[in-house]
Amino acid sequence: MSFDGVANPIQKYKRPWRVLVEPSDFVFYNAGDIAMMQAALFRMRSMWPEATIQVLTDDPERLVMYCPFIEPLPAAGRHAWVQ
């Protein structure tokens, strides 16, 4: 995939990207949602290996169990912001 003639868009910028993912579920109990999230995160990681990829979660241990290559980010701030 090419963006503006650059094979990897991160190479266009001098600093690594930070990707924030807001999942459909913050506790990861639905197997179908987990499978779709794993596939999406795996693709993001393969496209942008040097990027920091964080997922909002209420259960960081469960997220790391399913996606050990991803950084959990507490969703408490997001919950407070939308209330």
N, C-alpha and C. Protein backbone atom coordinates (compact mmCIF):
# COMPACT_ATOMS: atom_id res chain seq x y z
N MET A 1 0.84 -1.16 0.00
CA MET A 1 0.00 0.00 0.00
C MET A 1 0.90 1.24 0.00
N SER A 2 0.50 2.24 -0.73
CA SER A 2 1.31 3.44 -0.84
C SER A 2 0.50 4.67 -0.45
N PHE A 3 1.10 5.56 0.30
CA PHE A 3 0.48 6.81 0.70
C PHE A 3 1.39 7.93 0.21
N ASP A 4 0.90 8.76 -0.67
CA ASP A 4 1.67 9.88 -1.21
C ASP A 4 3.02 9.44 -1.75
N GLY A 5 3.06 8.28 -2.40
CA GLY A 5 4.30 7.79 -2.98
C GLY A 5 5.27 7.18 -2.00
N VAL A 6 4.88 7.05 -0.73
CA VAL A 6 5.73 6.47 0.30
C VAL A 6 5.15 5.11 0.67
N ALA A 7 5.96 4.05 0.58
CA ALA A 7 5.48 2.70 0.86
C ALA A 7 4.99 2.58 2.30
N ASN A 8 5.72 3.13 3.24
CA ASN A 8 5.34 3.09 4.64
C ASN A 8 5.21 4.54 5.11
N PRO A 9 4.00 5.01 5.43
CA PRO A 9 3.83 6.43 5.76
C PRO A 9 4.62 6.88 6.97
N ILE A 10 4.98 5.98 7.88
CA ILE A 10 5.77 6.37 9.05
C ILE A 10 7.14 6.87 8.60
N GLN A 11 7.68 6.30 7.52
CA GLN A 11 8.99 6.71 7.04
C GLN A 11 8.99 8.17 6.59
N LYS A 12 7.82 8.70 6.26
CA LYS A 12 7.72 10.08 5.82
C LYS A 12 7.97 11.06 6.98
N TYR A 13 7.71 10.62 8.20
CA TYR A 13 7.86 11.46 9.37
C TYR A 13 9.08 11.01 10.19
N LYS A 14 9.63 11.90 10.96
CA LYS A 14 10.86 11.61 11.70
C LYS A 14 10.61 10.87 13.02
N ARG A 15 9.40 10.94 13.56
CA ARG A 15 9.16 10.28 14.83
C ARG A 15 8.15 9.15 14.64
N PRO A 16 8.22 8.14 15.51
CA PRO A 16 7.30 7.00 15.38
C PRO A 16 5.86 7.41 15.66
N TRP A 17 4.96 6.69 15.05
CA TRP A 17 3.54 6.95 15.24
C TRP A 17 3.06 6.38 16.55
N ARG A 18 1.98 6.95 17.04
CA ARG A 18 1.25 6.41 18.18
C ARG A 18 -0.17 6.17 17.70
N VAL A 19 -0.61 4.92 17.79
CA VAL A 19 -1.94 4.55 17.31
C VAL A 19 -2.80 4.21 18.53
N LEU A 20 -3.95 4.83 18.64
CA LEU A 20 -4.88 4.56 19.73
C LEU A 20 -6.09 3.83 19.16
N VAL A 21 -6.41 2.68 19.76
CA VAL A 21 -7.54 1.87 19.30
C VAL A 21 -8.61 1.89 20.38
N GLU A 22 -9.83 2.23 19.97
CA GLU A 22 -10.97 2.16 20.88
C GLU A 22 -11.79 0.93 20.49
N PRO A 23 -11.73 -0.13 21.30
CA PRO A 23 -12.43 -1.37 20.94
C PRO A 23 -13.93 -1.26 21.17
N SER A 24 -14.67 -2.23 20.66
CA SER A 24 -16.12 -2.26 20.86
C SER A 24 -16.46 -2.67 22.28
N ASP A 25 -15.52 -3.29 22.99
CA ASP A 25 -15.73 -3.77 24.35
C ASP A 25 -14.45 -3.54 25.13
N PHE A 26 -14.55 -2.97 26.32
CA PHE A 26 -13.36 -2.64 27.11
C PHE A 26 -12.89 -3.76 28.03
N VAL A 27 -13.65 -4.88 28.09
CA VAL A 27 -13.27 -5.98 29.00
C VAL A 27 -12.95 -7.28 28.27
N PHE A 28 -13.21 -7.37 26.98
CA PHE A 28 -12.79 -8.50 26.14
C PHE A 28 -13.37 -9.85 26.59
N TYR A 29 -14.69 -9.92 26.66
CA TYR A 29 -15.36 -11.18 27.00
C TYR A 29 -15.98 -11.86 25.78
N ASN A 30 -16.17 -11.13 24.68
CA ASN A 30 -16.81 -11.68 23.49
C ASN A 30 -15.73 -12.24 22.56
N ALA A 31 -15.79 -13.55 22.31
CA ALA A 31 -14.76 -14.23 21.51
C ALA A 31 -14.68 -13.68 20.08
N GLY A 32 -15.82 -13.35 19.48
CA GLY A 32 -15.81 -12.81 18.13
C GLY A 32 -15.15 -11.44 18.07
N ASP A 33 -15.45 -10.58 19.04
CA ASP A 33 -14.83 -9.26 19.10
C ASP A 33 -13.32 -9.38 19.32
N ILE A 34 -12.93 -10.33 20.17
CA ILE A 34 -11.50 -10.54 20.43
C ILE A 34 -10.79 -10.98 19.16
N ALA A 35 -11.39 -11.90 18.43
CA ALA A 35 -10.77 -12.40 17.19
C ALA A 35 -10.62 -11.28 16.15
N MET A 36 -11.65 -10.45 16.01
CA MET A 36 -11.57 -9.34 15.05
C MET A 36 -10.52 -8.32 15.49
N MET A 37 -10.46 -8.05 16.79
CA MET A 37 -9.47 -7.10 17.29
C MET A 37 -8.06 -7.65 17.09
N GLN A 38 -7.85 -8.93 17.38
CA GLN A 38 -6.53 -9.53 17.17
C GLN A 38 -6.10 -9.40 15.71
N ALA A 39 -7.01 -9.68 14.79
CA ALA A 39 -6.67 -9.58 13.36
C ALA A 39 -6.32 -8.14 12.99
N ALA A 40 -7.12 -7.18 13.46
CA ALA A 40 -6.85 -5.78 13.14
C ALA A 40 -5.53 -5.32 13.73
N LEU A 41 -5.26 -5.69 14.99
CA LEU A 41 -4.03 -5.27 15.64
C LEU A 41 -2.81 -5.93 15.01
N PHE A 42 -2.94 -7.18 14.62
CA PHE A 42 -1.84 -7.87 13.94
C PHE A 42 -1.51 -7.16 12.62
N ARG A 43 -2.54 -6.76 11.88
CA ARG A 43 -2.31 -6.05 10.61
C ARG A 43 -1.66 -4.69 10.85
N MET A 44 -2.14 -3.98 11.88
CA MET A 44 -1.52 -2.69 12.20
C MET A 44 -0.05 -2.87 12.55
N ARG A 45 0.24 -3.88 13.38
CA ARG A 45 1.62 -4.12 13.80
C ARG A 45 2.49 -4.48 12.59
N SER A 46 1.96 -5.27 11.65
CA SER A 46 2.77 -5.63 10.48
C SER A 46 2.95 -4.44 9.54
N MET A 47 1.97 -3.53 9.48
CA MET A 47 2.11 -2.33 8.64
C MET A 47 3.04 -1.30 9.26
N TRP A 48 2.96 -1.16 10.58
CA TRP A 48 3.71 -0.14 11.29
C TRP A 48 4.47 -0.76 12.46
N PRO A 49 5.53 -1.52 12.19
CA PRO A 49 6.23 -2.23 13.26
C PRO A 49 6.86 -1.33 14.32
N GLU A 50 7.21 -0.10 13.95
CA GLU A 50 7.84 0.78 14.92
C GLU A 50 6.85 1.68 15.66
N ALA A 51 5.58 1.60 15.33
CA ALA A 51 4.56 2.42 15.98
C ALA A 51 4.23 1.89 17.38
N THR A 52 3.83 2.81 18.25
CA THR A 52 3.27 2.43 19.55
C THR A 52 1.78 2.24 19.33
N ILE A 53 1.28 1.04 19.57
CA ILE A 53 -0.14 0.76 19.40
C ILE A 53 -0.73 0.50 20.78
N GLN A 54 -1.70 1.34 21.16
CA GLN A 54 -2.33 1.23 22.47
C GLN A 54 -3.82 0.97 22.29
N VAL A 55 -4.38 0.17 23.20
CA VAL A 55 -5.80 -0.16 23.16
C VAL A 55 -6.41 0.25 24.49
N LEU A 56 -7.51 1.01 24.43
CA LEU A 56 -8.24 1.37 25.65
C LEU A 56 -8.84 0.12 26.27
N THR A 57 -8.69 -0.04 27.57
CA THR A 57 -9.20 -1.24 28.22
C THR A 57 -9.49 -1.00 29.70
N ASP A 58 -10.47 -1.75 30.20
CA ASP A 58 -10.74 -1.80 31.64
C ASP A 58 -10.07 -3.01 32.27
N ASP A 59 -9.49 -3.89 31.46
CA ASP A 59 -8.86 -5.12 31.95
C ASP A 59 -7.53 -5.33 31.22
N PRO A 60 -6.47 -4.63 31.65
CA PRO A 60 -5.19 -4.71 30.95
C PRO A 60 -4.61 -6.12 30.89
N GLU A 61 -4.80 -6.91 31.95
CA GLU A 61 -4.25 -8.27 31.97
C GLU A 61 -4.88 -9.13 30.88
N ARG A 62 -6.19 -8.99 30.70
CA ARG A 62 -6.88 -9.79 29.67
C ARG A 62 -6.43 -9.36 28.28
N LEU A 63 -6.26 -8.05 28.05
CA LEU A 63 -5.79 -7.57 26.75
C LEU A 63 -4.42 -8.15 26.44
N VAL A 64 -3.51 -8.10 27.39
CA VAL A 64 -2.15 -8.61 27.17
C VAL A 64 -2.17 -10.12 26.93
N MET A 65 -3.12 -10.81 27.54
CA MET A 65 -3.24 -12.25 27.33
C MET A 65 -3.57 -12.56 25.87
N TYR A 66 -4.44 -11.75 25.26
CA TYR A 66 -4.84 -11.97 23.87
C TYR A 66 -3.92 -11.29 22.86
N CYS A 67 -3.34 -10.18 23.24
CA CYS A 67 -2.50 -9.41 22.32
C CYS A 67 -1.24 -8.95 23.05
N PRO A 68 -0.27 -9.83 23.25
CA PRO A 68 0.91 -9.47 24.05
C PRO A 68 1.80 -8.40 23.41
N PHE A 69 1.62 -8.15 22.14
CA PHE A 69 2.45 -7.16 21.43
C PHE A 69 1.84 -5.76 21.45
N ILE A 70 0.75 -5.58 22.22
CA ILE A 70 0.03 -4.32 22.27
C ILE A 70 0.14 -3.74 23.68
N GLU A 71 0.15 -2.42 23.76
CA GLU A 71 0.24 -1.72 25.04
C GLU A 71 -1.16 -1.36 25.53
N PRO A 72 -1.56 -1.83 26.72
CA PRO A 72 -2.87 -1.45 27.24
C PRO A 72 -2.86 0.00 27.73
N LEU A 73 -3.98 0.68 27.57
CA LEU A 73 -4.14 2.05 28.04
C LEU A 73 -5.44 2.10 28.85
N PRO A 74 -5.37 2.47 30.13
CA PRO A 74 -6.59 2.48 30.95
C PRO A 74 -7.69 3.34 30.34
N ALA A 75 -8.89 2.79 30.30
CA ALA A 75 -10.02 3.48 29.69
C ALA A 75 -10.74 4.41 30.67
N ALA A 76 -10.28 4.49 31.91
CA ALA A 76 -10.95 5.32 32.93
C ALA A 76 -11.06 6.78 32.49
N GLY A 77 -10.01 7.32 31.91
CA GLY A 77 -10.04 8.70 31.43
C GLY A 77 -11.06 8.90 30.33
N ARG A 78 -11.18 7.95 29.44
CA ARG A 78 -12.15 8.02 28.35
C ARG A 78 -13.56 7.97 28.91
N HIS A 79 -13.79 7.09 29.91
CA HIS A 79 -15.12 6.99 30.52
C HIS A 79 -15.50 8.32 31.19
N ALA A 80 -14.57 8.94 31.91
CA ALA A 80 -14.84 10.20 32.58
C ALA A 80 -15.12 11.32 31.57
N TRP A 81 -14.40 11.28 30.45
CA TRP A 81 -14.54 12.32 29.44
C TRP A 81 -15.91 12.30 28.77
N VAL A 82 -16.47 11.12 28.54
CA VAL A 82 -17.75 11.04 27.83
C VAL A 82 -18.96 11.12 28.74
N GLN A 83 -18.75 11.14 30.04
CA GLN A 83 -19.90 11.26 30.97
C GLN A 83 -20.34 12.67 31.15
